[in-house]
Amino acid sequence: MAPALLQSTLSSLPLLARGKVRDNYAVGNDRLLMVATDRLSAFDVVMGEPIPGKGALLTQMALWWFERLGDIVPNHLTGEDPADVVLPAERAQVVGRSMLVKRLTPLPVEAVVRGYLAGSGWAEYQRHRAVCGVPLPEGLANAMQLPEPIFTPATKAEAGDHDENIDFERMADIVGRERAEEVRRVAIALYTRAAAIARAKGILIADTKFEFGLDADGRLTLMDEVLTPDSSRFWPVEGYDAALREGRNPPSYDKQFVRDWLEQARVDGQPWNKKPPAPALPTSVVEATAAKYRDALQRLTA
C-alpha cells in the first residue's frame, strides 16, 4: 500500500481549496483536479491521523457508482487521466486517488435521501414525527426501514460549521421550485437504484447525500463523491435484524466507528467538546477504520 497522504502538495496547479477530505486544484478555466486525501472528518472536525488507503478506496468506489448511475443524470467526470495534468514527480500523489472533472456551478444545498431512520433523522422523528418537514407514521423505531425513501435536504456549511437540515420549501426558496423538484426526483432515483444494487451485495444504504452542480448549459450534473462510506451510512445485512430488535445502531461500514470512539474519548479528563483539535486516534482505531473501508469496497465490487 502507498504511504498515507494527509495533504497533497502539487506545485504544477493552482490550489483552489482544501475540504475536509479533498484538495481541489484548477486545471485551466473549465476543469478541476480533485485529490482524495486520506484525511477523515468526524463531527465536522478533521482528524490529525490519516486513514491509509482511504482516498484511493473512496475514489474507486465513487467511479464504480458513476458507471452504474450515468443513465439517470450526467456526472462531472471528463474521462481524462488525472496523471496527465501534473508533473511526473507529482503523479504518485494523484494516481488512484483523483478525478479530473468539469468545473460546475455548485448548488448550495446537499441532496440527502433516507431509506432508514437513523442519526439526525431518528432524533428529529422522536421530537416531531417528521424529518425535514416530511411526516412519517407513528411507531417507527431507530434503524427501521422507512415505507419509502424520503428527500431531506440540508444547507452546505462553511468549514468547521455543521450542515443544517431544511425542509423542501426552504430549498425551493434557495434554488427555485422547478430546480428543487428536479433535484428531489433525481436524488430519489439515484438512491433507489443504488440501494437495490448494494442490497444484492449484502449492504444496506441507510441514507446518503448527493451534491449537484450546473454545467455551462444549466444542466443538472452529479458531482463530488457519490455513495461512499464518507457520504453514506452503510450497514451489512447480517446483524441488522438483531440490532433493530435491540433498538441499537447496526454495525457500520462508514465512519460511525470513529464517531463512537470519539464519543467516549476524554481530553484532560473531560468528554471531547467536538471542536478542533480532535483527540489523537489510537493505531487500533485507524487500522480498524481502514479495514472497514476496504471491506465495503471489496463486498460492493466483488
C-alpha atoms as a PDB file:
ATOM      1  CA  MET A   1       0.000   0.000   0.000  1.00  0.00           C
ATOM      2  CA  ALA A   2       1.244   3.513  -0.828  1.00  0.00           C
ATOM      3  CA  PRO A   3       2.104   5.808   2.092  1.00  0.00           C
ATOM      4  CA  ALA A   4      -0.839   7.668   3.626  1.00  0.00           C
ATOM      5  CA  LEU A   5      -1.466  11.144   2.219  1.00  0.00           C
ATOM      6  CA  LEU A   6      -2.701  13.672   4.765  1.00  0.00           C
ATOM      7  CA  GLN A   7      -2.328  16.625   2.402  1.00  0.00           C
ATOM      8  CA  SER A   8      -1.393  16.933  -1.256  1.00  0.00           C
ATOM      9  CA  THR A   9       1.331  19.359  -2.337  1.00  0.00           C
ATOM     10  CA  LEU A  10       1.066  19.963  -6.077  1.00  0.00           C
ATOM     11  CA  SER A  11       3.080  22.890  -7.406  1.00  0.00           C
ATOM     12  CA  SER A  12       2.040  22.396 -11.034  1.00  0.00           C
ATOM     13  CA  LEU A  13      -1.570  23.533 -10.498  1.00  0.00           C
ATOM     14  CA  PRO A  14      -3.231  26.377  -8.546  1.00  0.00           C
ATOM     15  CA  LEU A  15      -4.809  25.160  -5.300  1.00  0.00           C
ATOM     16  CA  LEU A  16      -8.427  26.311  -5.060  1.00  0.00           C
ATOM     17  CA  ALA A  17      -9.494  24.795  -1.758  1.00  0.00           C
ATOM     18  CA  ARG A  18      -8.810  22.127   0.825  1.00  0.00           C
ATOM     19  CA  GLY A  19     -12.002  20.496   2.004  1.00  0.00           C
ATOM     20  CA  LYS A  20     -12.411  18.059   4.843  1.00  0.00           C
ATOM     21  CA  VAL A  21     -11.138  15.236   2.633  1.00  0.00           C
ATOM     22  CA  ARG A  22     -10.398  16.578  -0.866  1.00  0.00           C
ATOM     23  CA  ASP A  23      -7.858  19.040  -2.206  1.00  0.00           C
ATOM     24  CA  ASN A  24      -9.147  20.796  -5.326  1.00  0.00           C
ATOM     25  CA  TYR A  25      -6.871  22.273  -7.993  1.00  0.00           C
ATOM     26  CA  ALA A  26      -7.713  24.365 -11.057  1.00  0.00           C
ATOM     27  CA  VAL A  27      -6.929  22.855 -14.457  1.00  0.00           C
ATOM     28  CA  GLY A  28      -7.426  25.712 -16.874  1.00  0.00           C
ATOM     29  CA  ASN A  29     -10.728  27.527 -16.603  1.00  0.00           C
ATOM     30  CA  ASP A  30     -13.060  24.617 -17.142  1.00  0.00           C
ATOM     31  CA  ARG A  31     -11.752  21.646 -15.143  1.00  0.00           C
ATOM     32  CA  LEU A  32     -10.789  20.671 -11.607  1.00  0.00           C
ATOM     33  CA  LEU A  33      -8.424  18.053 -10.257  1.00  0.00           C
ATOM     34  CA  MET A  34      -9.978  16.562  -7.124  1.00  0.00           C
ATOM     35  CA  VAL A  35      -7.435  14.719  -4.980  1.00  0.00           C
ATOM     36  CA  ALA A  36      -8.956  12.477  -2.307  1.00  0.00           C
ATOM     37  CA  THR A  37      -6.520  12.513   0.600  1.00  0.00           C
ATOM     38  CA  ASP A  38      -6.523  10.052   3.488  1.00  0.00           C
ATOM     39  CA  ARG A  39      -7.942  12.660   5.863  1.00  0.00           C
ATOM     40  CA  LEU A  40     -11.024  11.743   7.863  1.00  0.00           C
ATOM     41  CA  SER A  41     -13.508  14.121   9.441  1.00  0.00           C
ATOM     42  CA  ALA A  42     -15.999  13.380  12.182  1.00  0.00           C
ATOM     43  CA  PHE A  43     -18.403  15.865  13.745  1.00  0.00           C
ATOM     44  CA  ASP A  44     -17.095  18.304  11.101  1.00  0.00           C
ATOM     45  CA  VAL A  45     -13.595  18.168  12.597  1.00  0.00           C
ATOM     46  CA  VAL A  46     -10.672  16.779  10.594  1.00  0.00           C
ATOM     47  CA  MET A  47      -8.718  14.133  12.470  1.00  0.00           C
ATOM     48  CA  GLY A  48      -4.954  14.554  12.784  1.00  0.00           C
ATOM     49  CA  GLU A  49      -4.250  10.968  11.737  1.00  0.00           C
ATOM     50  CA  PRO A  50      -4.804   9.794   8.148  1.00  0.00           C
ATOM     51  CA  ILE A  51      -6.568   6.519   7.332  1.00  0.00           C
ATOM     52  CA  PRO A  52      -4.110   4.715   4.999  1.00  0.00           C
ATOM     53  CA  GLY A  53      -5.623   3.908   1.612  1.00  0.00           C
ATOM     54  CA  LYS A  54      -8.883   5.736   2.304  1.00  0.00           C
ATOM     55  CA  GLY A  55      -8.600   8.284  -0.524  1.00  0.00           C
ATOM     56  CA  ALA A  56      -7.945   5.630  -3.137  1.00  0.00           C
ATOM     57  CA  LEU A  57     -10.781   3.450  -1.841  1.00  0.00           C
ATOM     58  CA  LEU A  58     -13.232   6.358  -1.910  1.00  0.00           C
ATOM     59  CA  THR A  59     -12.203   7.253  -5.447  1.00  0.00           C
ATOM     60  CA  GLN A  60     -12.535   3.670  -6.706  1.00  0.00           C
ATOM     61  CA  MET A  61     -15.961   3.351  -5.121  1.00  0.00           C
ATOM     62  CA  ALA A  62     -17.220   6.670  -6.500  1.00  0.00           C
ATOM     63  CA  LEU A  63     -16.046   5.759 -10.019  1.00  0.00           C
ATOM     64  CA  TRP A  64     -17.756   2.368  -9.693  1.00  0.00           C
ATOM     65  CA  TRP A  65     -21.041   4.070  -8.829  1.00  0.00           C
ATOM     66  CA  PHE A  66     -20.737   6.733 -11.538  1.00  0.00           C
ATOM     67  CA  GLU A  67     -20.596   3.919 -14.114  1.00  0.00           C
ATOM     68  CA  ARG A  68     -23.861   2.462 -12.841  1.00  0.00           C
ATOM     69  CA  LEU A  69     -25.829   5.688 -12.484  1.00  0.00           C
ATOM     70  CA  GLY A  70     -24.887   7.631 -15.607  1.00  0.00           C
ATOM     71  CA  ASP A  71     -28.193   6.981 -17.366  1.00  0.00           C
ATOM     72  CA  ILE A  72     -30.117   8.743 -14.578  1.00  0.00           C
ATOM     73  CA  VAL A  73     -28.206  12.044 -14.591  1.00  0.00           C
ATOM     74  CA  PRO A  74     -24.957  13.322 -16.159  1.00  0.00           C
ATOM     75  CA  ASN A  75     -21.912  13.443 -13.867  1.00  0.00           C
ATOM     76  CA  HIS A  76     -18.839  15.647 -13.661  1.00  0.00           C
ATOM     77  CA  LEU A  77     -16.240  13.182 -14.977  1.00  0.00           C
ATOM     78  CA  THR A  78     -14.266  14.232 -18.065  1.00  0.00           C
ATOM     79  CA  GLY A  79     -12.903  10.755 -18.832  1.00  0.00           C
ATOM     80  CA  GLU A  80      -9.357  12.136 -18.881  1.00  0.00           C
ATOM     81  CA  ASP A  81      -6.419  10.745 -16.903  1.00  0.00           C
ATOM     82  CA  PRO A  82      -5.657  12.908 -13.833  1.00  0.00           C
ATOM     83  CA  ALA A  83      -1.954  11.982 -14.042  1.00  0.00           C
ATOM     84  CA  ASP A  84      -1.693  13.818 -17.368  1.00  0.00           C
ATOM     85  CA  VAL A  85      -2.186  17.272 -15.821  1.00  0.00           C
ATOM     86  CA  VAL A  86       0.561  17.199 -13.157  1.00  0.00           C
ATOM     87  CA  LEU A  87       4.324  16.979 -13.243  1.00  0.00           C
ATOM     88  CA  PRO A  88       5.847  13.471 -13.400  1.00  0.00           C
ATOM     89  CA  ALA A  89       7.246  13.909  -9.879  1.00  0.00           C
ATOM     90  CA  GLU A  90       3.724  14.609  -8.576  1.00  0.00           C
ATOM     91  CA  ARG A  91       1.926  11.657 -10.123  1.00  0.00           C
ATOM     92  CA  ALA A  92       2.319   9.490  -7.033  1.00  0.00           C
ATOM     93  CA  GLN A  93       0.055  11.943  -5.186  1.00  0.00           C
ATOM     94  CA  VAL A  94      -2.581  11.701  -7.892  1.00  0.00           C
ATOM     95  CA  VAL A  95      -2.718   8.175  -9.339  1.00  0.00           C
ATOM     96  CA  GLY A  96      -5.596   6.094  -7.999  1.00  0.00           C
ATOM     97  CA  ARG A  97      -6.997   8.788  -5.721  1.00  0.00           C
ATOM     98  CA  SER A  98      -8.013  11.597  -8.089  1.00  0.00           C
ATOM     99  CA  MET A  99     -10.709  12.595 -10.540  1.00  0.00           C
ATOM    100  CA  LEU A 100     -10.328  15.126 -13.355  1.00  0.00           C
ATOM    101  CA  VAL A 101     -13.756  16.729 -13.545  1.00  0.00           C
ATOM    102  CA  LYS A 102     -15.735  19.500 -15.208  1.00  0.00           C
ATOM    103  CA  ARG A 103     -15.919  22.767 -13.348  1.00  0.00           C
ATOM    104  CA  LEU A 104     -19.558  23.313 -12.396  1.00  0.00           C
ATOM    105  CA  THR A 105     -21.615  25.892 -10.550  1.00  0.00           C
ATOM    106  CA  PRO A 106     -22.475  24.013  -7.330  1.00  0.00           C
ATOM    107  CA  LEU A 107     -25.988  24.137  -5.930  1.00  0.00           C
ATOM    108  CA  PRO A 108     -25.815  25.484  -2.350  1.00  0.00           C
ATOM    109  CA  VAL A 109     -27.725  22.539  -0.872  1.00  0.00           C
ATOM    110  CA  GLU A 110     -26.998  18.884  -0.198  1.00  0.00           C
ATOM    111  CA  ALA A 111     -29.489  16.353  -1.500  1.00  0.00           C
ATOM    112  CA  VAL A 112     -29.943  13.849   1.322  1.00  0.00           C
ATOM    113  CA  VAL A 113     -32.051  10.733   0.800  1.00  0.00           C
ATOM    114  CA  ARG A 114     -33.014   8.461   3.691  1.00  0.00           C
ATOM    115  CA  GLY A 115     -34.261   4.919   3.318  1.00  0.00           C
ATOM    116  CA  TYR A 116     -33.911   4.090   7.019  1.00  0.00           C
ATOM    117  CA  LEU A 117     -34.426   6.119  10.182  1.00  0.00           C
ATOM    118  CA  ALA A 118     -31.029   6.848  11.699  1.00  0.00           C
ATOM    119  CA  GLY A 119     -28.765   9.579  13.018  1.00  0.00           C
ATOM    120  CA  SER A 120     -30.213  13.096  12.994  1.00  0.00           C
ATOM    121  CA  GLY A 121     -33.304  11.735  11.230  1.00  0.00           C
ATOM    122  CA  TRP A 122     -34.099   9.451  14.157  1.00  0.00           C
ATOM    123  CA  ALA A 123     -33.515  12.296  16.618  1.00  0.00           C
ATOM    124  CA  GLU A 124     -35.856  14.603  14.696  1.00  0.00           C
ATOM    125  CA  TYR A 125     -38.504  11.908  14.303  1.00  0.00           C
ATOM    126  CA  GLN A 126     -38.622  11.403  18.066  1.00  0.00           C
ATOM    127  CA  ARG A 127     -39.424  15.105  18.528  1.00  0.00           C
ATOM    128  CA  HIS A 128     -41.731  15.804  15.603  1.00  0.00           C
ATOM    129  CA  ARG A 129     -42.792  12.514  13.971  1.00  0.00           C
ATOM    130  CA  ALA A 130     -41.313  14.032  10.822  1.00  0.00           C
ATOM    131  CA  VAL A 131     -37.884  14.574   9.231  1.00  0.00           C
ATOM    132  CA  CYS A 132     -37.159  17.862   7.438  1.00  0.00           C
ATOM    133  CA  GLY A 133     -40.882  18.524   7.150  1.00  0.00           C
ATOM    134  CA  VAL A 134     -41.686  15.062   5.757  1.00  0.00           C
ATOM    135  CA  PRO A 135     -44.371  13.497   8.022  1.00  0.00           C
ATOM    136  CA  LEU A 136     -43.793   9.884   8.987  1.00  0.00           C
ATOM    137  CA  PRO A 137     -46.033   7.229  10.572  1.00  0.00           C
ATOM    138  CA  GLU A 138     -46.231   6.674  14.313  1.00  0.00           C
ATOM    139  CA  GLY A 139     -44.443   3.708  15.817  1.00  0.00           C
ATOM    140  CA  LEU A 140     -41.170   3.759  13.889  1.00  0.00           C
ATOM    141  CA  ALA A 141     -38.011   2.646  15.702  1.00  0.00           C
ATOM    142  CA  ASN A 142     -34.347   3.520  15.426  1.00  0.00           C
ATOM    143  CA  ALA A 143     -32.788   1.994  12.266  1.00  0.00           C
ATOM    144  CA  MET A 144     -36.156   0.911  10.884  1.00  0.00           C
ATOM    145  CA  GLN A 145     -36.664   0.979   7.115  1.00  0.00           C
ATOM    146  CA  LEU A 146     -38.995   3.764   6.012  1.00  0.00           C
ATOM    147  CA  PRO A 147     -42.140   2.977   3.990  1.00  0.00           C
ATOM    148  CA  GLU A 148     -40.396   4.665   1.042  1.00  0.00           C
ATOM    149  CA  PRO A 149     -37.228   6.756   0.640  1.00  0.00           C
ATOM    150  CA  ILE A 150     -37.593  10.396   1.665  1.00  0.00           C
ATOM    151  CA  PHE A 151     -35.759  13.506   0.468  1.00  0.00           C
ATOM    152  CA  THR A 152     -34.380  15.618   3.317  1.00  0.00           C
ATOM    153  CA  PRO A 153     -32.147  18.445   2.061  1.00  0.00           C
ATOM    154  CA  ALA A 154     -29.526  20.347   4.024  1.00  0.00           C
ATOM    155  CA  THR A 155     -27.669  23.596   3.585  1.00  0.00           C
ATOM    156  CA  LYS A 156     -23.919  23.367   2.989  1.00  0.00           C
ATOM    157  CA  ALA A 157     -21.945  24.645   5.946  1.00  0.00           C
ATOM    158  CA  GLU A 158     -18.739  26.612   5.861  1.00  0.00           C
ATOM    159  CA  ALA A 159     -15.623  24.745   7.011  1.00  0.00           C
ATOM    160  CA  GLY A 160     -15.890  23.948  10.710  1.00  0.00           C
ATOM    161  CA  ASP A 161     -19.660  24.529  10.871  1.00  0.00           C
ATOM    162  CA  HIS A 162     -22.439  21.965  10.824  1.00  0.00           C
ATOM    163  CA  ASP A 163     -24.768  21.382   7.887  1.00  0.00           C
ATOM    164  CA  GLU A 164     -28.344  22.426   8.685  1.00  0.00           C
ATOM    165  CA  ASN A 165     -31.304  20.221   7.821  1.00  0.00           C
ATOM    166  CA  ILE A 166     -34.012  22.167   6.000  1.00  0.00           C
ATOM    167  CA  ASP A 167     -37.428  21.360   4.571  1.00  0.00           C
ATOM    168  CA  PHE A 168     -38.260  21.226   0.891  1.00  0.00           C
ATOM    169  CA  GLU A 169     -39.939  24.626   0.897  1.00  0.00           C
ATOM    170  CA  ARG A 170     -36.770  26.247   2.199  1.00  0.00           C
ATOM    171  CA  MET A 171     -34.780  24.504  -0.538  1.00  0.00           C
ATOM    172  CA  ALA A 172     -37.226  25.779  -3.140  1.00  0.00           C
ATOM    173  CA  ASP A 173     -36.666  29.299  -1.844  1.00  0.00           C
ATOM    174  CA  ILE A 174     -32.901  28.842  -2.273  1.00  0.00           C
ATOM    175  CA  VAL A 175     -32.655  27.196  -5.710  1.00  0.00           C
ATOM    176  CA  GLY A 176     -36.103  27.723  -7.215  1.00  0.00           C
ATOM    177  CA  ARG A 177     -39.043  25.327  -7.131  1.00  0.00           C
ATOM    178  CA  GLU A 178     -38.511  23.730 -10.537  1.00  0.00           C
ATOM    179  CA  ARG A 179     -34.852  23.012  -9.805  1.00  0.00           C
ATOM    180  CA  ALA A 180     -35.671  21.743  -6.309  1.00  0.00           C
ATOM    181  CA  GLU A 181     -38.248  19.326  -7.705  1.00  0.00           C
ATOM    182  CA  GLU A 182     -35.741  18.099 -10.292  1.00  0.00           C
ATOM    183  CA  VAL A 183     -33.086  17.517  -7.622  1.00  0.00           C
ATOM    184  CA  ARG A 184     -35.555  15.658  -5.406  1.00  0.00           C
ATOM    185  CA  ARG A 185     -36.699  13.417  -8.258  1.00  0.00           C
ATOM    186  CA  VAL A 186     -33.154  12.636  -9.424  1.00  0.00           C
ATOM    187  CA  ALA A 187     -31.777  12.076  -5.918  1.00  0.00           C
ATOM    188  CA  ILE A 188     -34.511   9.587  -5.025  1.00  0.00           C
ATOM    189  CA  ALA A 189     -33.977   7.774  -8.342  1.00  0.00           C
ATOM    190  CA  LEU A 190     -30.225   7.552  -7.671  1.00  0.00           C
ATOM    191  CA  TYR A 191     -30.767   6.254  -4.138  1.00  0.00           C
ATOM    192  CA  THR A 192     -33.384   3.713  -5.215  1.00  0.00           C
ATOM    193  CA  ARG A 193     -31.079   2.283  -7.902  1.00  0.00           C
ATOM    194  CA  ALA A 194     -28.049   2.230  -5.602  1.00  0.00           C
ATOM    195  CA  ALA A 195     -29.905   0.722  -2.650  1.00  0.00           C
ATOM    196  CA  ALA A 196     -31.076  -2.197  -4.783  1.00  0.00           C
ATOM    197  CA  ILE A 197     -27.574  -2.800  -6.164  1.00  0.00           C
ATOM    198  CA  ALA A 198     -25.987  -2.624  -2.707  1.00  0.00           C
ATOM    199  CA  ARG A 199     -28.574  -4.863  -1.052  1.00  0.00           C
ATOM    200  CA  ALA A 200     -27.819  -7.571  -3.605  1.00  0.00           C
ATOM    201  CA  LYS A 201     -24.193  -7.315  -2.406  1.00  0.00           C
ATOM    202  CA  GLY A 202     -25.156  -7.573   1.267  1.00  0.00           C
ATOM    203  CA  ILE A 203     -25.045  -3.857   2.119  1.00  0.00           C
ATOM    204  CA  LEU A 204     -27.944  -1.684   3.275  1.00  0.00           C
ATOM    205  CA  ILE A 205     -27.615   2.011   2.378  1.00  0.00           C
ATOM    206  CA  ALA A 206     -29.430   3.654   5.267  1.00  0.00           C
ATOM    207  CA  ASP A 207     -29.001   7.168   3.899  1.00  0.00           C
ATOM    208  CA  THR A 208     -26.737   9.131   1.596  1.00  0.00           C
ATOM    209  CA  LYS A 209     -26.083  12.647   0.372  1.00  0.00           C
ATOM    210  CA  PHE A 210     -25.620  13.752  -3.211  1.00  0.00           C
ATOM    211  CA  GLU A 211     -24.158  17.015  -4.444  1.00  0.00           C
ATOM    212  CA  PHE A 212     -25.180  18.607  -7.704  1.00  0.00           C
ATOM    213  CA  GLY A 213     -23.957  21.442  -9.882  1.00  0.00           C
ATOM    214  CA  LEU A 214     -24.959  23.087 -13.134  1.00  0.00           C
ATOM    215  CA  ASP A 215     -22.844  22.863 -16.266  1.00  0.00           C
ATOM    216  CA  ALA A 216     -22.345  25.711 -18.742  1.00  0.00           C
ATOM    217  CA  ASP A 217     -25.730  24.911 -20.313  1.00  0.00           C
ATOM    218  CA  GLY A 218     -27.550  24.846 -16.975  1.00  0.00           C
ATOM    219  CA  ARG A 219     -27.937  21.057 -16.909  1.00  0.00           C
ATOM    220  CA  LEU A 220     -28.149  19.350 -13.535  1.00  0.00           C
ATOM    221  CA  THR A 221     -24.945  17.332 -13.021  1.00  0.00           C
ATOM    222  CA  LEU A 222     -23.934  14.914 -10.279  1.00  0.00           C
ATOM    223  CA  MET A 223     -20.649  15.994  -8.708  1.00  0.00           C
ATOM    224  CA  ASP A 224     -18.169  15.387  -5.895  1.00  0.00           C
ATOM    225  CA  GLU A 225     -18.129  11.895  -4.405  1.00  0.00           C
ATOM    226  CA  VAL A 226     -21.086   9.577  -4.573  1.00  0.00           C
ATOM    227  CA  LEU A 227     -22.272   6.696  -2.387  1.00  0.00           C
ATOM    228  CA  THR A 228     -19.082   6.202  -0.393  1.00  0.00           C
ATOM    229  CA  PRO A 229     -18.779   5.433   3.327  1.00  0.00           C
ATOM    230  CA  ASP A 230     -17.937   9.130   3.820  1.00  0.00           C
ATOM    231  CA  SER A 231     -21.198  10.345   2.289  1.00  0.00           C
ATOM    232  CA  SER A 232     -23.447   7.435   3.236  1.00  0.00           C
ATOM    233  CA  ARG A 233     -24.439   5.202   6.112  1.00  0.00           C
ATOM    234  CA  PHE A 234     -23.614   1.623   5.063  1.00  0.00           C
ATOM    235  CA  TRP A 235     -24.830  -1.332   7.146  1.00  0.00           C
ATOM    236  CA  PRO A 236     -24.036  -5.005   6.485  1.00  0.00           C
ATOM    237  CA  VAL A 237     -27.197  -7.049   6.030  1.00  0.00           C
ATOM    238  CA  GLU A 238     -26.041  -9.543   8.627  1.00  0.00           C
ATOM    239  CA  GLY A 239     -26.541  -8.136  12.110  1.00  0.00           C
ATOM    240  CA  TYR A 240     -29.210  -5.669  11.028  1.00  0.00           C
ATOM    241  CA  ASP A 241     -32.232  -7.603  12.297  1.00  0.00           C
ATOM    242  CA  ALA A 242     -30.639  -8.207  15.694  1.00  0.00           C
ATOM    243  CA  ALA A 243     -29.739  -4.534  16.051  1.00  0.00           C
ATOM    244  CA  LEU A 244     -33.274  -3.490  15.126  1.00  0.00           C
ATOM    245  CA  ARG A 245     -34.776  -5.810  17.740  1.00  0.00           C
ATOM    246  CA  GLU A 246     -32.425  -4.436  20.387  1.00  0.00           C
ATOM    247  CA  GLY A 247     -33.016  -0.811  19.455  1.00  0.00           C
ATOM    248  CA  ARG A 248     -29.376  -0.024  18.706  1.00  0.00           C
ATOM    249  CA  ASN A 249     -27.475   1.201  15.670  1.00  0.00           C
ATOM    250  CA  PRO A 250     -26.484  -1.660  13.350  1.00  0.00           C
ATOM    251  CA  PRO A 251     -22.800  -2.384  12.699  1.00  0.00           C
ATOM    252  CA  SER A 252     -21.479   0.063  10.155  1.00  0.00           C
ATOM    253  CA  TYR A 253     -19.031   0.290   7.258  1.00  0.00           C
ATOM    254  CA  ASP A 254     -18.874   4.060   7.496  1.00  0.00           C
ATOM    255  CA  LYS A 255     -17.043   6.349   9.923  1.00  0.00           C
ATOM    256  CA  GLN A 256     -19.593   5.719  12.674  1.00  0.00           C
ATOM    257  CA  PHE A 257     -16.873   3.508  14.156  1.00  0.00           C
ATOM    258  CA  VAL A 258     -14.705   6.615  14.657  1.00  0.00           C
ATOM    259  CA  ARG A 259     -17.636   8.691  15.901  1.00  0.00           C
ATOM    260  CA  ASP A 260     -18.407   6.057  18.544  1.00  0.00           C
ATOM    261  CA  TRP A 261     -14.793   6.104  19.745  1.00  0.00           C
ATOM    262  CA  LEU A 262     -14.774   9.907  19.876  1.00  0.00           C
ATOM    263  CA  GLU A 263     -17.988   9.934  21.903  1.00  0.00           C
ATOM    264  CA  GLN A 264     -16.221   8.122  24.732  1.00  0.00           C
ATOM    265  CA  ALA A 265     -12.828   9.847  24.326  1.00  0.00           C
ATOM    266  CA  ARG A 266     -11.569  12.068  27.125  1.00  0.00           C
ATOM    267  CA  VAL A 267      -9.473  15.228  26.866  1.00  0.00           C
ATOM    268  CA  ASP A 268      -7.991  16.379  30.163  1.00  0.00           C
ATOM    269  CA  GLY A 269     -10.428  14.083  31.910  1.00  0.00           C
ATOM    270  CA  GLN A 270     -13.476  15.563  30.180  1.00  0.00           C
ATOM    271  CA  PRO A 271     -15.538  14.391  27.187  1.00  0.00           C
ATOM    272  CA  TRP A 272     -14.241  15.887  23.942  1.00  0.00           C
ATOM    273  CA  ASN A 273     -16.195  19.056  23.050  1.00  0.00           C
ATOM    274  CA  LYS A 274     -16.213  18.219  19.317  1.00  0.00           C
ATOM    275  CA  LYS A 275     -14.105  21.232  18.462  1.00  0.00           C
ATOM    276  CA  PRO A 276     -10.578  21.233  16.988  1.00  0.00           C
ATOM    277  CA  PRO A 277      -8.199  19.758  17.754  1.00  0.00           C
ATOM    278  CA  ALA A 278      -9.590  16.253  17.822  1.00  0.00           C
ATOM    279  CA  PRO A 279      -8.208  13.632  20.222  1.00  0.00           C
ATOM    280  CA  ALA A 280      -5.453  11.552  18.647  1.00  0.00           C
ATOM    281  CA  LEU A 281      -6.881   8.361  17.175  1.00  0.00           C
ATOM    282  CA  PRO A 282      -5.207   5.203  18.520  1.00  0.00           C
ATOM    283  CA  THR A 283      -3.497   2.965  15.978  1.00  0.00           C
ATOM    284  CA  SER A 284      -6.134   0.305  16.608  1.00  0.00           C
ATOM    285  CA  VAL A 285      -8.938   2.702  15.613  1.00  0.00           C
ATOM    286  CA  VAL A 286      -7.058   3.843  12.486  1.00  0.00           C
ATOM    287  CA  GLU A 287      -6.385   0.263  11.393  1.00  0.00           C
ATOM    288  CA  ALA A 288      -9.931  -0.909  12.111  1.00  0.00           C
ATOM    289  CA  THR A 289     -11.376   2.036  10.179  1.00  0.00           C
ATOM    290  CA  ALA A 290      -9.136   1.336   7.181  1.00  0.00           C
ATOM    291  CA  ALA A 291     -10.247  -2.293   7.275  1.00  0.00           C
ATOM    292  CA  LYS A 292     -13.916  -1.246   7.223  1.00  0.00           C
ATOM    293  CA  TYR A 293     -13.379   0.892   4.135  1.00  0.00           C
ATOM    294  CA  ARG A 294     -11.554  -1.970   2.385  1.00  0.00           C
ATOM    295  CA  ASP A 295     -14.268  -4.440   3.324  1.00  0.00           C
ATOM    296  CA  ALA A 296     -17.018  -2.167   1.984  1.00  0.00           C
ATOM    297  CA  LEU A 297     -15.282  -1.744  -1.375  1.00  0.00           C
ATOM    298  CA  GLN A 298     -14.474  -5.444  -1.708  1.00  0.00           C
ATOM    299  CA  ARG A 299     -18.029  -6.525  -0.878  1.00  0.00           C
ATOM    300  CA  LEU A 300     -19.601  -3.965  -3.180  1.00  0.00           C
ATOM    301  CA  THR A 301     -17.423  -4.592  -6.224  1.00  0.00           C
ATOM    302  CA  ALA A 302     -16.877  -8.343  -5.889  1.00  0.00           C
END
